[in-house]
Amino acid sequence: MDLRFTPEEAAFREEVRGFIRDNLPREIHERMRLGYPPRKQDTIAWQRILNAQGWAAYNWPKAHGGPGWSPIQRMIFLEENLSAPAPELLSFNITMLGPVLIQFGTEAQKKRFLPRAANLDDWWCQGFSEPGAGSDLASLRTAAKREGDHYIVNGQKIWTSTAHNADWCFCLVRTDPTAKKRQEGISFLLIDLRTPGIEVRPIISIDGSHHLNEVFFTDVKVPAENLVGEENRGWSVAKYLLGNERTGIARLGKSKERVRFAKEVAREVRKEGRPLIEDRGFRARVAQLEVDMKALEITQLRVVSAYAKAGGNRPDPLSSVLKIKGTELLQASSELVMDVGGPQAMPVWQQELAALANEPAIGPDWAPQMAPNYLMLRAASIYGGTNEIQKNILNKAVLGL
């Protein structure tokens, strides 16, 4: 198997890199470089710039507004975007809802929602997890009862990322409570979050940020035309969506960018009177991360190559390796940068308190966001399918255990 990039793929990488360099707003780039999460307006601005170039819906076919890229081109694009660093495209719109509507949606749904999703005119969120129904998603209890040309939805979702920013939610609901199997009797609905009866409550995570939410539905009236696929067959839609969610899940570009940044700032930090970059222990730690990233990059190329040769019909179970090792490297690289900052890598809100007290900020401008990044990425081994679930997939599909 030839794992080298072709001259055409190398040229494509340079094209993507050049476009990002010339078009990513400087203020957004600087915030990302210092480790701050993108604001809502940053994500919208960058996705619209990419959409004007025809690149936002990077994994969609040309017929539906995408660039029609190969799996290798998509991998290169994602890596360069994260390495820049630039805001990530809103995955709920691009890698989740878009492919689902292309596969299962009606023509009216595609025409109405796809262009707006690509341009981020609508911000989508995912209403899957519930109290008691996270990894065991088939246990969900949010109910939708058909009444004429509407469904009446009642229930609760939890851990709903960016619901406070969102306009719409694609949601799994139970439409047949008498189904014999838990996976049966579930439907996939598109819900306008401005509909009466919906309440979004914030969940503040360990890093101090508001990213997660609880969403409550009380007699929410949803048009039946917002059903995607067949009633009571939503489990098949959900499995298809979660398969597409594997795209780029290793997030290698982000890990590479964080290690590169750690090496850069380690030239400023001193240990025993010498730059930290000269410390043997630090250099050994960086070297091990770089070796691990190269090994994962080779594995990713193998998985993507096999997926392309198979015609992209179904996710490769080996993509679970990318999820497991990719999140471990994200966590390790964020820990590396935090350790470079040392005591100065205090949570950003402490810096804000210093400003309110009219006192000078402590340490370099890059340090305060490092601890919150580290804390937030503790969840990387949970979201997108827990690493424990990924190991079960590998045990069954690859090892036959």
Protein backbone atom coordinates (compact mmCIF):
# COMPACT_ATOMS: atom_id res chain seq x y z
CA MET A 1 0.00 0.00 0.00
CA ASP A 2 1.47 3.35 -1.08
CA LEU A 3 0.96 5.86 1.74
CA ARG A 4 2.72 8.78 0.08
CA PHE A 5 0.83 11.82 -1.13
CA THR A 6 0.65 12.29 -4.88
CA PRO A 7 1.98 15.50 -6.46
CA GLU A 8 -1.64 16.55 -7.01
CA GLU A 9 -2.47 16.00 -3.32
CA ALA A 10 0.64 17.95 -2.25
CA ALA A 11 -0.43 20.81 -4.54
CA PHE A 12 -3.92 20.67 -3.04
CA ARG A 13 -2.43 21.01 0.45
CA GLU A 14 -0.52 24.12 -0.62
CA GLU A 15 -3.70 25.56 -2.15
CA VAL A 16 -5.65 25.03 1.08
CA ARG A 17 -2.82 26.35 3.24
CA GLY A 18 -2.47 29.44 1.08
CA PHE A 19 -6.20 30.16 1.10
CA ILE A 20 -6.39 29.94 4.89
CA ARG A 21 -3.32 32.14 5.29
CA ASP A 22 -4.75 34.82 2.99
CA ASN A 23 -8.38 34.75 4.11
CA LEU A 24 -8.58 33.86 7.81
CA PRO A 25 -9.23 37.14 9.67
CA ARG A 26 -6.17 38.09 11.73
CA GLU A 27 -8.11 38.67 14.96
CA ILE A 28 -9.71 35.22 14.77
CA HIS A 29 -6.36 33.56 14.03
CA GLU A 30 -4.68 35.28 16.97
CA ARG A 31 -7.42 34.23 19.42
CA MET A 32 -7.15 30.64 18.20
CA ARG A 33 -3.34 30.70 18.42
CA LEU A 34 -3.57 31.79 22.07
CA GLY A 35 -5.86 28.84 22.80
CA TYR A 36 -9.18 30.67 23.09
CA PRO A 37 -12.23 28.81 21.78
CA PRO A 38 -13.87 30.45 18.75
CA ARG A 39 -16.80 32.70 19.51
CA LYS A 40 -20.09 32.16 17.72
CA GLN A 41 -19.36 35.06 15.37
CA ASP A 42 -15.89 33.63 14.62
CA THR A 43 -17.30 30.27 13.55
CA ILE A 44 -20.01 31.90 11.43
CA ALA A 45 -17.58 34.31 9.76
CA TRP A 46 -15.03 31.63 8.87
CA GLN A 47 -17.60 29.09 7.66
CA ARG A 48 -19.15 31.72 5.38
CA ILE A 49 -15.72 32.59 3.96
CA LEU A 50 -15.15 28.90 3.22
CA ASN A 51 -18.66 28.52 1.81
CA ALA A 52 -18.08 31.39 -0.62
CA GLN A 53 -15.05 29.40 -1.81
CA GLY A 54 -17.22 26.27 -2.14
CA TRP A 55 -15.36 24.46 0.64
CA ALA A 56 -17.61 24.63 3.72
CA ALA A 57 -19.58 21.46 2.91
CA TYR A 58 -16.30 19.64 2.35
CA ASN A 59 -17.75 16.11 2.60
CA TRP A 60 -20.85 16.69 0.47
CA PRO A 61 -21.10 15.71 -3.19
CA LYS A 62 -21.09 18.44 -5.83
CA ALA A 63 -24.74 17.84 -6.64
CA HIS A 64 -25.67 19.11 -3.18
CA GLY A 65 -23.29 22.04 -2.87
CA GLY A 66 -20.06 20.34 -1.83
CA PRO A 67 -16.68 20.39 -3.59
CA GLY A 68 -16.78 16.68 -4.42
CA TRP A 69 -13.39 16.04 -2.81
CA SER A 70 -11.80 12.64 -2.35
CA PRO A 71 -11.38 11.24 1.20
CA ILE A 72 -7.68 12.19 1.08
CA GLN A 73 -8.50 15.76 0.10
CA ARG A 74 -11.01 16.01 2.94
CA MET A 75 -8.39 14.74 5.38
CA ILE A 76 -5.85 17.30 4.14
CA PHE A 77 -8.37 20.14 4.36
CA LEU A 78 -9.35 19.30 7.93
CA GLU A 79 -5.74 18.99 9.04
CA GLU A 80 -4.74 22.32 7.52
CA ASN A 81 -7.76 24.08 8.99
CA LEU A 82 -6.93 22.83 12.48
CA SER A 83 -3.20 23.43 12.07
CA ALA A 84 -3.66 27.07 11.02
CA PRO A 85 -5.33 27.28 13.60
CA ALA A 86 -8.78 28.28 12.35
CA PRO A 87 -12.27 27.67 13.77
CA GLU A 88 -13.63 24.23 13.04
CA LEU A 89 -16.63 24.03 10.76
CA LEU A 90 -19.84 23.41 12.67
CA SER A 91 -19.95 19.62 12.63
CA PHE A 92 -23.67 19.49 13.43
CA ASN A 93 -24.37 21.23 10.12
CA ILE A 94 -21.69 19.74 7.90
CA THR A 95 -20.74 16.20 8.96
CA MET A 96 -23.98 15.22 10.69
CA LEU A 97 -27.17 16.83 9.37
CA GLY A 98 -25.98 17.43 5.80
CA PRO A 99 -25.12 13.80 4.94
CA VAL A 100 -28.31 12.61 6.69
CA LEU A 101 -30.55 14.88 4.60
CA ILE A 102 -28.69 13.93 1.43
CA GLN A 103 -29.27 10.25 2.21
CA PHE A 104 -32.73 10.25 3.84
CA GLY A 105 -34.30 13.69 3.38
CA THR A 106 -37.11 14.66 1.05
CA GLU A 107 -36.38 16.99 -1.86
CA ALA A 108 -38.20 19.75 -0.01
CA GLN A 109 -36.01 19.21 3.10
CA LYS A 110 -32.82 19.24 1.03
CA LYS A 111 -33.81 22.42 -0.77
CA ARG A 112 -34.86 24.16 2.44
CA PHE A 113 -32.09 23.16 4.83
CA LEU A 114 -28.88 22.23 2.98
CA PRO A 115 -27.86 25.65 1.60
CA ARG A 116 -28.61 27.31 4.94
CA ALA A 117 -26.63 24.66 6.82
CA ALA A 118 -23.59 25.12 4.58
CA ASN A 119 -23.64 28.91 5.00
CA LEU A 120 -24.45 28.68 8.71
CA ASP A 121 -27.63 30.69 8.25
CA ASP A 122 -29.09 28.08 10.60
CA TRP A 123 -27.03 26.86 13.57
CA TRP A 124 -27.92 23.23 14.34
CA CYS A 125 -27.43 21.17 17.49
CA GLN A 126 -27.88 17.48 18.26
CA GLY A 127 -30.65 16.24 20.56
CA PHE A 128 -29.63 12.65 21.26
CA SER A 129 -28.38 12.14 24.84
CA GLU A 130 -30.79 12.09 27.76
CA PRO A 131 -30.45 11.42 31.48
CA GLY A 132 -29.95 7.64 31.50
CA ALA A 133 -29.54 7.48 27.71
CA GLY A 134 -26.04 8.55 26.73
CA SER A 135 -23.89 5.71 25.45
CA ASP A 136 -27.02 3.54 25.77
CA LEU A 137 -28.85 5.78 23.34
CA ALA A 138 -31.63 3.26 22.65
CA SER A 139 -32.95 3.94 26.18
CA LEU A 140 -34.17 7.43 25.23
CA ARG A 141 -37.61 8.43 26.50
CA THR A 142 -38.41 11.80 24.90
CA ALA A 143 -41.79 11.12 23.31
CA ALA A 144 -43.38 12.42 20.12
CA LYS A 145 -47.07 11.68 19.59
CA ARG A 146 -48.62 12.17 16.14
CA GLU A 147 -51.69 14.41 16.16
CA GLY A 148 -52.90 15.21 12.67
CA ASP A 149 -50.14 16.92 10.69
CA HIS A 150 -47.96 17.56 13.76
CA TYR A 151 -46.02 15.70 16.44
CA ILE A 152 -46.35 16.76 20.07
CA VAL A 153 -42.96 16.37 21.77
CA ASN A 154 -42.36 16.02 25.51
CA GLY A 155 -39.13 15.14 27.28
CA GLN A 156 -35.60 16.22 28.05
CA LYS A 157 -32.20 16.18 26.34
CA ILE A 158 -28.87 16.74 28.09
CA TRP A 159 -25.25 17.54 27.20
CA THR A 160 -26.60 19.37 24.16
CA SER A 161 -23.57 21.22 22.81
CA THR A 162 -24.17 24.82 21.63
CA ALA A 163 -27.97 24.60 22.04
CA HIS A 164 -27.85 28.16 23.44
CA ASN A 165 -26.46 29.31 20.07
CA ALA A 166 -28.66 27.09 17.92
CA ASP A 167 -31.69 27.83 15.77
CA TRP A 168 -32.61 24.19 15.09
CA CYS A 169 -32.10 20.77 16.67
CA PHE A 170 -32.12 17.37 14.99
CA CYS A 171 -33.61 15.11 17.60
CA LEU A 172 -34.25 11.43 18.31
CA VAL A 173 -37.71 10.86 19.78
CA ARG A 174 -39.73 7.81 20.69
CA THR A 175 -42.82 7.57 18.48
CA ASP A 176 -43.85 4.00 19.36
CA PRO A 177 -43.55 3.27 23.10
CA THR A 178 -44.93 -0.26 22.58
CA ALA A 179 -42.10 -1.43 20.27
CA LYS A 180 -40.65 -4.76 21.38
CA LYS A 181 -37.03 -3.76 20.77
CA ARG A 182 -35.64 -0.51 22.18
CA GLN A 183 -34.05 0.44 18.84
CA GLU A 184 -37.46 0.26 17.20
CA GLY A 185 -40.10 2.94 17.58
CA ILE A 186 -37.59 5.81 17.39
CA SER A 187 -37.91 8.65 14.86
CA PHE A 188 -35.63 11.48 13.67
CA LEU A 189 -37.22 14.96 13.85
CA LEU A 190 -36.05 18.43 12.90
CA ILE A 191 -37.17 20.89 15.59
CA ASP A 192 -37.15 24.69 15.40
CA LEU A 193 -35.82 25.80 18.80
CA ARG A 194 -37.91 28.97 18.63
CA THR A 195 -41.07 26.87 18.95
CA PRO A 196 -43.11 27.53 22.14
CA GLY A 197 -42.55 24.99 24.91
CA ILE A 198 -38.75 24.69 24.57
CA GLU A 199 -36.44 25.73 27.40
CA VAL A 200 -32.64 25.68 27.19
CA ARG A 201 -30.75 25.66 30.50
CA PRO A 202 -26.95 26.08 30.67
CA ILE A 203 -24.52 23.50 32.03
CA ILE A 204 -21.22 25.10 33.05
CA SER A 205 -18.39 22.63 32.47
CA ILE A 206 -15.23 22.12 34.51
CA ASP A 207 -13.29 24.66 32.44
CA GLY A 208 -15.79 27.35 33.42
CA SER A 209 -17.31 27.68 29.93
CA HIS A 210 -20.90 27.50 28.74
CA HIS A 211 -20.82 24.97 25.94
CA LEU A 212 -23.30 22.36 27.16
CA ASN A 213 -27.00 22.56 27.91
CA GLU A 214 -30.13 20.81 29.03
CA VAL A 215 -33.09 21.16 26.68
CA PHE A 216 -36.67 20.62 27.89
CA PHE A 217 -39.67 20.01 25.59
CA THR A 218 -43.18 20.62 26.90
CA ASP A 219 -46.02 20.00 24.42
CA VAL A 220 -43.82 21.23 21.56
CA LYS A 221 -45.65 21.21 18.23
CA VAL A 222 -43.46 19.97 15.35
CA PRO A 223 -44.77 19.75 11.75
CA ALA A 224 -44.88 16.16 10.48
CA GLU A 225 -43.03 17.34 7.36
CA ASN A 226 -39.96 17.68 9.61
CA LEU A 227 -39.71 13.90 9.99
CA VAL A 228 -36.53 12.60 8.32
CA GLY A 229 -36.86 9.10 6.89
CA GLU A 230 -39.65 6.80 7.96
CA GLU A 231 -41.51 7.00 11.25
CA ASN A 232 -40.15 4.51 13.79
CA ARG A 233 -37.03 3.94 11.63
CA GLY A 234 -34.94 6.74 13.10
CA TRP A 235 -32.39 4.34 14.57
CA SER A 236 -31.07 3.62 11.08
CA VAL A 237 -30.78 7.37 10.44
CA ALA A 238 -28.93 7.85 13.74
CA LYS A 239 -26.45 5.06 12.96
CA TYR A 240 -25.74 6.62 9.58
CA LEU A 241 -25.19 10.01 11.21
CA LEU A 242 -22.83 8.62 13.86
CA GLY A 243 -20.85 6.85 11.13
CA ASN A 244 -20.31 10.16 9.37
CA GLU A 245 -19.30 11.73 12.70
CA ARG A 246 -16.09 9.65 12.53
CA THR A 247 -14.84 11.97 9.76
CA GLY A 248 -11.71 13.75 10.99
CA ILE A 249 -12.31 12.57 14.55
CA ALA A 250 -8.57 12.03 15.19
CA ARG A 251 -8.15 15.85 14.92
CA LEU A 252 -4.46 15.36 14.28
CA GLY A 253 -4.08 18.89 12.97
CA LYS A 254 -5.03 20.26 16.39
CA SER A 255 -2.56 18.04 18.23
CA LYS A 256 0.20 19.03 15.81
CA GLU A 257 -0.61 22.71 16.26
CA ARG A 258 -0.55 22.46 20.06
CA VAL A 259 2.83 20.65 20.07
CA ARG A 260 4.22 23.21 17.65
CA PHE A 261 2.93 26.01 19.89
CA ALA A 262 4.43 24.37 22.99
CA LYS A 263 7.85 24.28 21.31
CA GLU A 264 7.47 27.93 20.32
CA VAL A 265 6.60 29.23 23.78
CA ALA A 266 9.12 26.91 25.46
CA ARG A 267 11.78 29.21 24.02
CA GLU A 268 10.41 32.01 26.21
CA VAL A 269 9.99 30.02 29.44
CA ARG A 270 13.11 29.44 31.53
CA LYS A 271 14.00 26.51 33.73
CA GLU A 272 17.04 26.79 35.99
CA GLY A 273 18.15 29.83 34.04
CA ARG A 274 17.96 28.22 30.60
CA PRO A 275 15.17 28.11 27.98
CA LEU A 276 12.81 25.20 28.61
CA ILE A 277 13.26 24.08 24.98
CA GLU A 278 16.79 22.98 25.95
CA ASP A 279 15.61 20.75 28.81
CA ARG A 280 16.19 17.06 28.04
CA GLY A 281 13.03 15.92 29.74
CA PHE A 282 10.89 18.39 27.80
CA ARG A 283 12.56 17.45 24.51
CA ALA A 284 12.00 13.75 25.17
CA ARG A 285 8.33 14.39 25.91
CA VAL A 286 7.91 16.36 22.67
CA ALA A 287 9.73 13.69 20.69
CA GLN A 288 7.44 10.95 22.02
CA LEU A 289 4.36 12.97 21.08
CA GLU A 290 5.70 13.60 17.59
CA VAL A 291 6.43 9.90 17.11
CA ASP A 292 2.92 9.01 18.28
CA MET A 293 1.38 11.61 15.96
CA LYS A 294 3.33 10.26 12.98
CA ALA A 295 2.19 6.71 13.78
CA LEU A 296 -1.43 7.86 13.99
CA GLU A 297 -1.06 9.82 10.76
CA ILE A 298 0.08 6.65 8.98
CA THR A 299 -2.84 4.73 10.49
CA GLN A 300 -5.22 7.47 9.37
CA LEU A 301 -3.86 7.27 5.83
CA ARG A 302 -4.42 3.52 5.83
CA VAL A 303 -7.99 3.87 7.05
CA VAL A 304 -8.81 6.66 4.59
CA SER A 305 -7.19 4.78 1.71
CA ALA A 306 -9.13 1.60 2.50
CA TYR A 307 -12.35 3.61 2.83
CA ALA A 308 -11.78 5.24 -0.57
CA LYS A 309 -11.06 1.89 -2.27
CA ALA A 310 -14.22 0.42 -0.74
CA GLY A 311 -16.26 3.21 -2.32
CA GLY A 312 -17.04 4.91 1.00
CA ASN A 313 -20.11 2.76 1.58
CA ARG A 314 -19.66 2.17 5.30
CA PRO A 315 -17.35 3.34 8.09
CA ASP A 316 -14.26 1.22 8.72
CA PRO A 317 -14.27 -0.20 12.28
CA LEU A 318 -10.60 0.76 12.44
CA SER A 319 -11.75 4.39 12.56
CA SER A 320 -12.29 3.63 16.25
CA VAL A 321 -8.49 3.50 16.57
CA LEU A 322 -8.38 7.06 15.23
CA LYS A 323 -10.92 8.18 17.82
CA ILE A 324 -9.14 6.50 20.75
CA LYS A 325 -5.59 7.51 19.96
CA GLY A 326 -6.60 10.88 18.50
CA THR A 327 -8.30 11.96 21.72
CA GLU A 328 -5.40 10.67 23.82
CA LEU A 329 -3.02 12.83 21.79
CA LEU A 330 -5.33 15.85 22.07
CA GLN A 331 -5.29 15.47 25.82
CA ALA A 332 -1.54 14.90 25.98
CA SER A 333 -0.75 17.90 23.76
CA SER A 334 -3.01 20.21 25.79
CA GLU A 335 -1.34 18.96 28.98
CA LEU A 336 2.07 19.70 27.47
CA VAL A 337 1.19 23.34 26.76
CA MET A 338 -0.36 23.75 30.21
CA ASP A 339 2.79 22.38 31.83
CA VAL A 340 4.93 24.84 29.85
CA GLY A 341 2.82 27.64 31.32
CA GLY A 342 3.24 26.21 34.81
CA PRO A 343 1.61 28.30 37.58
CA GLN A 344 0.91 31.05 35.05
CA ALA A 345 -1.46 28.77 33.12
CA MET A 346 -4.23 29.81 35.49
CA PRO A 347 -7.85 29.86 34.34
CA VAL A 348 -8.66 32.94 32.30
CA TRP A 349 -11.30 34.16 34.75
CA GLN A 350 -8.55 34.77 37.32
CA GLN A 351 -6.89 37.08 34.80
CA GLU A 352 -10.20 38.87 34.37
CA LEU A 353 -10.46 39.34 38.13
CA ALA A 354 -6.99 40.90 38.10
CA ALA A 355 -8.18 43.32 35.42
CA LEU A 356 -11.24 44.26 37.48
CA ALA A 357 -8.95 44.94 40.44
CA ASN A 358 -6.84 47.18 38.19
CA GLU A 359 -3.83 44.94 38.68
CA PRO A 360 -1.46 43.76 35.92
CA ALA A 361 -2.08 40.35 34.41
CA ILE A 362 0.33 37.64 35.50
CA GLY A 363 2.53 35.95 32.91
CA PRO A 364 2.47 35.90 29.11
CA ASP A 365 -0.73 36.46 27.14
CA TRP A 366 -0.83 32.85 25.91
CA ALA A 367 -0.75 31.21 29.35
CA PRO A 368 -4.19 31.88 30.93
CA GLN A 369 -6.23 29.78 28.51
CA MET A 370 -4.06 26.66 28.79
CA ALA A 371 -5.64 25.19 31.93
CA PRO A 372 -9.23 25.63 30.64
CA ASN A 373 -8.19 23.92 27.37
CA TYR A 374 -6.72 21.03 29.31
CA LEU A 375 -9.85 20.70 31.44
CA MET A 376 -12.25 20.90 28.50
CA LEU A 377 -10.38 18.18 26.62
CA ARG A 378 -10.88 15.73 29.49
CA ALA A 379 -14.24 15.20 27.79
CA ALA A 380 -12.67 14.34 24.41
CA SER A 381 -12.56 10.66 25.33
CA ILE A 382 -16.32 10.77 26.03
CA TYR A 383 -17.95 12.85 23.27
CA GLY A 384 -18.28 11.42 19.78
CA GLY A 385 -18.61 7.93 21.25
CA THR A 386 -16.71 7.07 24.44
CA ASN A 387 -13.31 5.44 24.08
CA GLU A 388 -14.66 2.45 26.01
CA ILE A 389 -17.38 1.98 23.38
CA GLN A 390 -14.74 2.32 20.62
CA LYS A 391 -12.71 -0.46 22.25
CA ASN A 392 -15.82 -2.67 22.28
CA ILE A 393 -16.27 -2.00 18.54
CA LEU A 394 -12.66 -3.03 17.89
CA ASN A 395 -12.98 -6.14 20.05
CA LYS A 396 -16.04 -7.30 18.13
CA ALA A 397 -15.39 -6.14 14.55
CA VAL A 398 -11.61 -6.52 14.32
CA LEU A 399 -10.55 -9.05 16.93
CA GLY A 400 -13.76 -11.11 16.83
CA LEU A 401 -14.03 -11.27 20.61
